[in-house]
Every structure is written in structure tokens, then in C-alpha cells.
Amino acid sequence: MFLVLAGFILIALIDLIPMFRQHSKNQIIAFFTFFCPALAIALLVQLNIEVPSLLLLLDGLFKAVGLSY
């Protein structure tokens, strides 16, 4: 688990430092929008917790909207 956290910290440092220097709020928000769920899923997988499929969630969402195949 240490390597997973170290990898995510390294990625965050490499990507966030230029964003903070440019004062780019939109890029920082977009980064965290994808970074936080990816970190959470990676930690759950590392802890051997079964992560439900996102495709099942999307299928239910599309059926509720009326966009099913």
C-alpha cells in the first residue's frame, strides 16, 4: 500500500506544482475530480475490498434516463 500512496503523491506533486504556479483553478478542479476517485479505488483494491462495477451503475442511470439498448 505504501507504493500506491507514494505513486499517487508523486503524480500529484509533478502535476499540481505547475498548476498552482499558473493559478489555474479550472485545471486544479479537473485534476482533483479524477484524482480523488482514482486514489480511493486504488486503495480499496489494495485493501482487497471488492469494488462494484461502474458499468452496472451507468446501465441503471441510462435506463432511468431512457437511453438503453
PDB file of N, CA and C in Angstrom:
ATOM      1  N   MET A   1       0.821  -1.183   0.000  1.00  0.00           N
ATOM      2  CA  MET A   1       0.000   0.000   0.000  1.00  0.00           C
ATOM      3  C   MET A   1       0.872   1.256   0.000  1.00  0.00           C
ATOM      4  N   PHE A   2       2.051   1.138   0.591  1.00  0.00           N
ATOM      5  CA  PHE A   2       2.963   2.277   0.613  1.00  0.00           C
ATOM      6  C   PHE A   2       3.337   2.709  -0.801  1.00  0.00           C
ATOM      7  N   LEU A   3       3.569   1.759  -1.690  1.00  0.00           N
ATOM      8  CA  LEU A   3       3.943   2.108  -3.063  1.00  0.00           C
ATOM      9  C   LEU A   3       2.812   2.790  -3.800  1.00  0.00           C
ATOM     10  N   VAL A   4       1.582   2.375  -3.550  1.00  0.00           N
ATOM     11  CA  VAL A   4       0.424   3.021  -4.186  1.00  0.00           C
ATOM     12  C   VAL A   4       0.331   4.473  -3.735  1.00  0.00           C
ATOM     13  N   LEU A   5       0.430   4.692  -2.423  1.00  0.00           N
ATOM     14  CA  LEU A   5       0.369   6.064  -1.913  1.00  0.00           C
ATOM     15  C   LEU A   5       1.546   6.902  -2.406  1.00  0.00           C
ATOM     16  N   ALA A   6       2.729   6.312  -2.439  1.00  0.00           N
ATOM     17  CA  ALA A   6       3.902   7.034  -2.914  1.00  0.00           C
ATOM     18  C   ALA A   6       3.742   7.419  -4.384  1.00  0.00           C
ATOM     19  N   GLY A   7       3.191   6.504  -5.171  1.00  0.00           N
ATOM     20  CA  GLY A   7       2.967   6.801  -6.582  1.00  0.00           C
ATOM     21  C   GLY A   7       1.966   7.919  -6.780  1.00  0.00           C
ATOM     22  N   PHE A   8       0.876   7.892  -6.026  1.00  0.00           N
ATOM     23  CA  PHE A   8      -0.121   8.951  -6.153  1.00  0.00           C
ATOM     24  C   PHE A   8       0.419  10.294  -5.669  1.00  0.00           C
ATOM     25  N   ILE A   9       1.209  10.283  -4.610  1.00  0.00           N
ATOM     26  CA  ILE A   9       1.816  11.527  -4.123  1.00  0.00           C
ATOM     27  C   ILE A   9       2.778  12.085  -5.164  1.00  0.00           C
ATOM     28  N   LEU A  10       3.559  11.222  -5.783  1.00  0.00           N
ATOM     29  CA  LEU A  10       4.495  11.657  -6.815  1.00  0.00           C
ATOM     30  C   LEU A  10       3.753  12.252  -8.008  1.00  0.00           C
ATOM     31  N   ILE A  11       2.698  11.602  -8.437  1.00  0.00           N
ATOM     32  CA  ILE A  11       1.899  12.117  -9.552  1.00  0.00           C
ATOM     33  C   ILE A  11       1.298  13.468  -9.195  1.00  0.00           C
ATOM     34  N   ALA A  12       0.775  13.589  -7.979  1.00  0.00           N
ATOM     35  CA  ALA A  12       0.171  14.850  -7.553  1.00  0.00           C
ATOM     36  C   ALA A  12       1.203  15.969  -7.529  1.00  0.00           C
ATOM     37  N   LEU A  13       2.381  15.690  -7.010  1.00  0.00           N
ATOM     38  CA  LEU A  13       3.410  16.732  -6.962  1.00  0.00           C
ATOM     39  C   LEU A  13       3.850  17.162  -8.355  1.00  0.00           C
ATOM     40  N   ILE A  14       4.050  16.197  -9.233  1.00  0.00           N
ATOM     41  CA  ILE A  14       4.506  16.521 -10.588  1.00  0.00           C
ATOM     42  C   ILE A  14       3.459  17.330 -11.344  1.00  0.00           C
ATOM     43  N   ASP A  15       2.189  16.993 -11.163  1.00  0.00           N
ATOM     44  CA  ASP A  15       1.145  17.653 -11.932  1.00  0.00           C
ATOM     45  C   ASP A  15       0.622  18.926 -11.280  1.00  0.00           C
ATOM     46  N   LEU A  16       0.585  18.984  -9.975  1.00  0.00           N
ATOM     47  CA  LEU A  16      -0.037  20.126  -9.308  1.00  0.00           C
ATOM     48  C   LEU A  16       0.858  21.353  -9.198  1.00  0.00           C
ATOM     49  N   ILE A  17       2.150  21.169  -9.081  1.00  0.00           N
ATOM     50  CA  ILE A  17       3.042  22.320  -8.917  1.00  0.00           C
ATOM     51  C   ILE A  17       2.919  23.302 -10.084  1.00  0.00           C
ATOM     52  N   PRO A  18       2.964  22.855 -11.341  1.00  0.00           N
ATOM     53  CA  PRO A  18       2.766  23.822 -12.433  1.00  0.00           C
ATOM     54  C   PRO A  18       1.373  24.457 -12.434  1.00  0.00           C
ATOM     55  N   MET A  19       0.363  23.714 -12.015  1.00  0.00           N
ATOM     56  CA  MET A  19      -0.993  24.268 -11.982  1.00  0.00           C
ATOM     57  C   MET A  19      -1.107  25.372 -10.936  1.00  0.00           C
ATOM     58  N   PHE A  20      -0.486  25.173  -9.776  1.00  0.00           N
ATOM     59  CA  PHE A  20      -0.524  26.209  -8.749  1.00  0.00           C
ATOM     60  C   PHE A  20       0.265  27.437  -9.175  1.00  0.00           C
ATOM     61  N   ARG A  21       1.363  27.251  -9.869  1.00  0.00           N
ATOM     62  CA  ARG A  21       2.159  28.389 -10.345  1.00  0.00           C
ATOM     63  C   ARG A  21       1.403  29.216 -11.377  1.00  0.00           C
ATOM     64  N   GLN A  22       0.573  28.552 -12.195  1.00  0.00           N
ATOM     65  CA  GLN A  22      -0.208  29.249 -13.220  1.00  0.00           C
ATOM     66  C   GLN A  22      -1.523  29.786 -12.664  1.00  0.00           C
ATOM     67  N   HIS A  23      -1.846  29.483 -11.414  1.00  0.00           N
ATOM     68  CA  HIS A  23      -3.111  29.882 -10.772  1.00  0.00           C
ATOM     69  C   HIS A  23      -4.311  29.446 -11.608  1.00  0.00           C
ATOM     70  N   SER A  24      -4.284  28.209 -12.055  1.00  0.00           N
ATOM     71  CA  SER A  24      -5.322  27.671 -12.924  1.00  0.00           C
ATOM     72  C   SER A  24      -6.338  26.877 -12.095  1.00  0.00           C
ATOM     73  N   LYS A  25      -7.403  27.555 -11.663  1.00  0.00           N
ATOM     74  CA  LYS A  25      -8.397  26.897 -10.819  1.00  0.00           C
ATOM     75  C   LYS A  25      -9.130  25.790 -11.559  1.00  0.00           C
ATOM     76  N   ASN A  26      -9.460  26.012 -12.816  1.00  0.00           N
ATOM     77  CA  ASN A  26     -10.207  25.006 -13.576  1.00  0.00           C
ATOM     78  C   ASN A  26      -9.410  23.716 -13.741  1.00  0.00           C
ATOM     79  N   GLN A  27      -8.129  23.828 -14.005  1.00  0.00           N
ATOM     80  CA  GLN A  27      -7.290  22.640 -14.153  1.00  0.00           C
ATOM     81  C   GLN A  27      -7.137  21.902 -12.829  1.00  0.00           C
ATOM     82  N   ILE A  28      -7.024  22.633 -11.737  1.00  0.00           N
ATOM     83  CA  ILE A  28      -6.883  22.012 -10.423  1.00  0.00           C
ATOM     84  C   ILE A  28      -8.159  21.271 -10.060  1.00  0.00           C
ATOM     85  N   ILE A  29      -9.312  21.876 -10.333  1.00  0.00           N
ATOM     86  CA  ILE A  29     -10.591  21.221 -10.052  1.00  0.00           C
ATOM     87  C   ILE A  29     -10.745  19.965 -10.900  1.00  0.00           C
ATOM     88  N   ALA A  30     -10.400  20.049 -12.186  1.00  0.00           N
ATOM     89  CA  ALA A  30     -10.490  18.881 -13.065  1.00  0.00           C
ATOM     90  C   ALA A  30      -9.531  17.781 -12.609  1.00  0.00           C
ATOM     91  N   PHE A  31      -8.346  18.162 -12.173  1.00  0.00           N
ATOM     92  CA  PHE A  31      -7.377  17.179 -11.689  1.00  0.00           C
ATOM     93  C   PHE A  31      -7.924  16.425 -10.489  1.00  0.00           C
ATOM     94  N   PHE A  32      -8.443  17.154  -9.505  1.00  0.00           N
ATOM     95  CA  PHE A  32      -8.955  16.505  -8.304  1.00  0.00           C
ATOM     96  C   PHE A  32     -10.233  15.722  -8.567  1.00  0.00           C
ATOM     97  N   THR A  33     -10.993  16.122  -9.598  1.00  0.00           N
ATOM     98  CA  THR A  33     -12.200  15.382  -9.961  1.00  0.00           C
ATOM     99  C   THR A  33     -11.866  13.950 -10.367  1.00  0.00           C
ATOM    100  N   PHE A  34     -10.748  13.758 -11.034  1.00  0.00           N
ATOM    101  CA  PHE A  34     -10.344  12.420 -11.451  1.00  0.00           C
ATOM    102  C   PHE A  34      -9.366  11.774 -10.470  1.00  0.00           C
ATOM    103  N   PHE A  35      -8.558  12.573  -9.792  1.00  0.00           N
ATOM    104  CA  PHE A  35      -7.518  12.049  -8.917  1.00  0.00           C
ATOM    105  C   PHE A  35      -8.097  11.406  -7.659  1.00  0.00           C
ATOM    106  N   CYS A  36      -9.037  12.067  -7.010  1.00  0.00           N
ATOM    107  CA  CYS A  36      -9.588  11.550  -5.750  1.00  0.00           C
ATOM    108  C   CYS A  36     -10.323  10.223  -5.920  1.00  0.00           C
ATOM    109  N   PRO A  37     -11.224  10.083  -6.915  1.00  0.00           N
ATOM    110  CA  PRO A  37     -11.842   8.759  -7.094  1.00  0.00           C
ATOM    111  C   PRO A  37     -10.830   7.675  -7.476  1.00  0.00           C
ATOM    112  N   ALA A  38      -9.844   8.027  -8.283  1.00  0.00           N
ATOM    113  CA  ALA A  38      -8.835   7.035  -8.660  1.00  0.00           C
ATOM    114  C   ALA A  38      -8.036   6.587  -7.441  1.00  0.00           C
ATOM    115  N   LEU A  39      -7.698   7.517  -6.570  1.00  0.00           N
ATOM    116  CA  LEU A  39      -6.981   7.170  -5.342  1.00  0.00           C
ATOM    117  C   LEU A  39      -7.834   6.287  -4.445  1.00  0.00           C
ATOM    118  N   ALA A  40      -9.100   6.629  -4.312  1.00  0.00           N
ATOM    119  CA  ALA A  40      -9.993   5.836  -3.461  1.00  0.00           C
ATOM    120  C   ALA A  40     -10.141   4.414  -3.991  1.00  0.00           C
ATOM    121  N   ILE A  41     -10.336   4.271  -5.295  1.00  0.00           N
ATOM    122  CA  ILE A  41     -10.485   2.936  -5.884  1.00  0.00           C
ATOM    123  C   ILE A  41      -9.191   2.146  -5.755  1.00  0.00           C
ATOM    124  N   ALA A  42      -8.046   2.802  -5.967  1.00  0.00           N
ATOM    125  CA  ALA A  42      -6.759   2.111  -5.838  1.00  0.00           C
ATOM    126  C   ALA A  42      -6.537   1.619  -4.408  1.00  0.00           C
ATOM    127  N   LEU A  43      -6.913   2.424  -3.428  1.00  0.00           N
ATOM    128  CA  LEU A  43      -6.757   1.998  -2.035  1.00  0.00           C
ATOM    129  C   LEU A  43      -7.711   0.863  -1.687  1.00  0.00           C
ATOM    130  N   LEU A  44      -8.946   0.912  -2.193  1.00  0.00           N
ATOM    131  CA  LEU A  44      -9.885  -0.174  -1.936  1.00  0.00           C
ATOM    132  C   LEU A  44      -9.403  -1.487  -2.543  1.00  0.00           C
ATOM    133  N   VAL A  45      -8.870  -1.419  -3.742  1.00  0.00           N
ATOM    134  CA  VAL A  45      -8.352  -2.626  -4.390  1.00  0.00           C
ATOM    135  C   VAL A  45      -7.141  -3.147  -3.624  1.00  0.00           C
ATOM    136  N   GLN A  46      -6.292  -2.238  -3.166  1.00  0.00           N
ATOM    137  CA  GLN A  46      -5.106  -2.641  -2.414  1.00  0.00           C
ATOM    138  C   GLN A  46      -5.476  -3.301  -1.088  1.00  0.00           C
ATOM    139  N   LEU A  47      -6.582  -2.890  -0.494  1.00  0.00           N
ATOM    140  CA  LEU A  47      -7.033  -3.463   0.776  1.00  0.00           C
ATOM    141  C   LEU A  47      -7.921  -4.691   0.580  1.00  0.00           C
ATOM    142  N   ASN A  48      -7.995  -5.191  -0.653  1.00  0.00           N
ATOM    143  CA  ASN A  48      -8.781  -6.374  -1.009  1.00  0.00           C
ATOM    144  C   ASN A  48     -10.272  -6.213  -0.720  1.00  0.00           C
ATOM    145  N   ILE A  49     -10.778  -5.012  -0.920  1.00  0.00           N
ATOM    146  CA  ILE A  49     -12.208  -4.743  -0.800  1.00  0.00           C
ATOM    147  C   ILE A  49     -12.778  -4.760  -2.209  1.00  0.00           C
ATOM    148  N   GLU A  50     -13.841  -5.530  -2.388  1.00  0.00           N
ATOM    149  CA  GLU A  50     -14.419  -5.663  -3.723  1.00  0.00           C
ATOM    150  C   GLU A  50     -15.111  -4.363  -4.128  1.00  0.00           C
ATOM    151  N   VAL A  51     -14.697  -3.826  -5.253  1.00  0.00           N
ATOM    152  CA  VAL A  51     -15.260  -2.591  -5.778  1.00  0.00           C
ATOM    153  C   VAL A  51     -16.323  -2.963  -6.809  1.00  0.00           C
ATOM    154  N   PRO A  52     -17.561  -2.493  -6.630  1.00  0.00           N
ATOM    155  CA  PRO A  52     -18.606  -2.836  -7.600  1.00  0.00           C
ATOM    156  C   PRO A  52     -18.317  -2.195  -8.957  1.00  0.00           C
ATOM    157  N   SER A  53     -18.815  -2.822  -9.988  1.00  0.00           N
ATOM    158  CA  SER A  53     -18.571  -2.350 -11.344  1.00  0.00           C
ATOM    159  C   SER A  53     -19.303  -1.042 -11.598  1.00  0.00           C
ATOM    160  N   LEU A  54     -18.601  -0.097 -12.178  1.00  0.00           N
ATOM    161  CA  LEU A  54     -19.226   1.170 -12.534  1.00  0.00           C
ATOM    162  C   LEU A  54     -20.151   1.017 -13.738  1.00  0.00           C
ATOM    163  N   LEU A  55     -19.948  -0.033 -14.522  1.00  0.00           N
ATOM    164  CA  LEU A  55     -20.824  -0.262 -15.670  1.00  0.00           C
ATOM    165  C   LEU A  55     -22.251  -0.577 -15.236  1.00  0.00           C
ATOM    166  N   LEU A  56     -22.416  -1.253 -14.104  1.00  0.00           N
ATOM    167  CA  LEU A  56     -23.753  -1.517 -13.592  1.00  0.00           C
ATOM    168  C   LEU A  56     -24.443  -0.217 -13.185  1.00  0.00           C
ATOM    169  N   LEU A  57     -23.690   0.679 -12.588  1.00  0.00           N
ATOM    170  CA  LEU A  57     -24.238   1.977 -12.217  1.00  0.00           C
ATOM    171  C   LEU A  57     -24.634   2.773 -13.452  1.00  0.00           C
ATOM    172  N   LEU A  58     -23.781   2.785 -14.456  1.00  0.00           N
ATOM    173  CA  LEU A  58     -24.087   3.508 -15.688  1.00  0.00           C
ATOM    174  C   LEU A  58     -25.284   2.905 -16.416  1.00  0.00           C
ATOM    175  N   ASP A  59     -25.403   1.584 -16.386  1.00  0.00           N
ATOM    176  CA  ASP A  59     -26.543   0.929 -17.018  1.00  0.00           C
ATOM    177  C   ASP A  59     -27.845   1.375 -16.359  1.00  0.00           C
ATOM    178  N   GLY A  60     -27.867   1.397 -15.047  1.00  0.00           N
ATOM    179  CA  GLY A  60     -29.064   1.846 -14.339  1.00  0.00           C
ATOM    180  C   GLY A  60     -29.374   3.307 -14.604  1.00  0.00           C
ATOM    181  N   LEU A  61     -28.325   4.121 -14.701  1.00  0.00           N
ATOM    182  CA  LEU A  61     -28.505   5.534 -14.988  1.00  0.00           C
ATOM    183  C   LEU A  61     -29.083   5.749 -16.375  1.00  0.00           C
ATOM    184  N   PHE A  62     -28.530   5.037 -17.371  1.00  0.00           N
ATOM    185  CA  PHE A  62     -29.026   5.188 -18.739  1.00  0.00           C
ATOM    186  C   PHE A  62     -30.456   4.682 -18.882  1.00  0.00           C
ATOM    187  N   LYS A  63     -30.787   3.611 -18.182  1.00  0.00           N
ATOM    188  CA  LYS A  63     -32.154   3.091 -18.239  1.00  0.00           C
ATOM    189  C   LYS A  63     -33.128   4.067 -17.594  1.00  0.00           C
ATOM    190  N   ALA A  64     -32.716   4.732 -16.519  1.00  0.00           N
ATOM    191  CA  ALA A  64     -33.579   5.711 -15.865  1.00  0.00           C
ATOM    192  C   ALA A  64     -33.824   6.924 -16.758  1.00  0.00           C
ATOM    193  N   VAL A  65     -32.835   7.280 -17.558  1.00  0.00           N
ATOM    194  CA  VAL A  65     -32.983   8.412 -18.461  1.00  0.00           C
ATOM    195  C   VAL A  65     -33.714   8.003 -19.730  1.00  0.00           C
ATOM    196  N   GLY A  66     -33.754   6.711 -20.030  1.00  0.00           N
ATOM    197  CA  GLY A  66     -34.413   6.213 -21.231  1.00  0.00           C
ATOM    198  C   GLY A  66     -33.458   5.959 -22.376  1.00  0.00           C
ATOM    199  N   LEU A  67     -32.183   5.857 -22.074  1.00  0.00           N
ATOM    200  CA  LEU A  67     -31.171   5.614 -23.108  1.00  0.00           C
ATOM    201  C   LEU A  67     -30.593   4.212 -22.958  1.00  0.00           C
ATOM    202  N   SER A  68     -31.387   3.204 -23.213  1.00  0.00           N
ATOM    203  CA  SER A  68     -30.887   1.839 -23.096  1.00  0.00           C
ATOM    204  C   SER A  68     -30.898   1.177 -24.459  1.00  0.00           C
ATOM    205  N   TYR A  69     -30.152   0.143 -24.575  1.00  0.00           N
ATOM    206  CA  TYR A  69     -30.063  -0.558 -25.843  1.00  0.00           C
ATOM    207  C   TYR A  69     -30.853  -1.834 -25.817  1.00  0.00           C
TER     208      TYR A  69
END
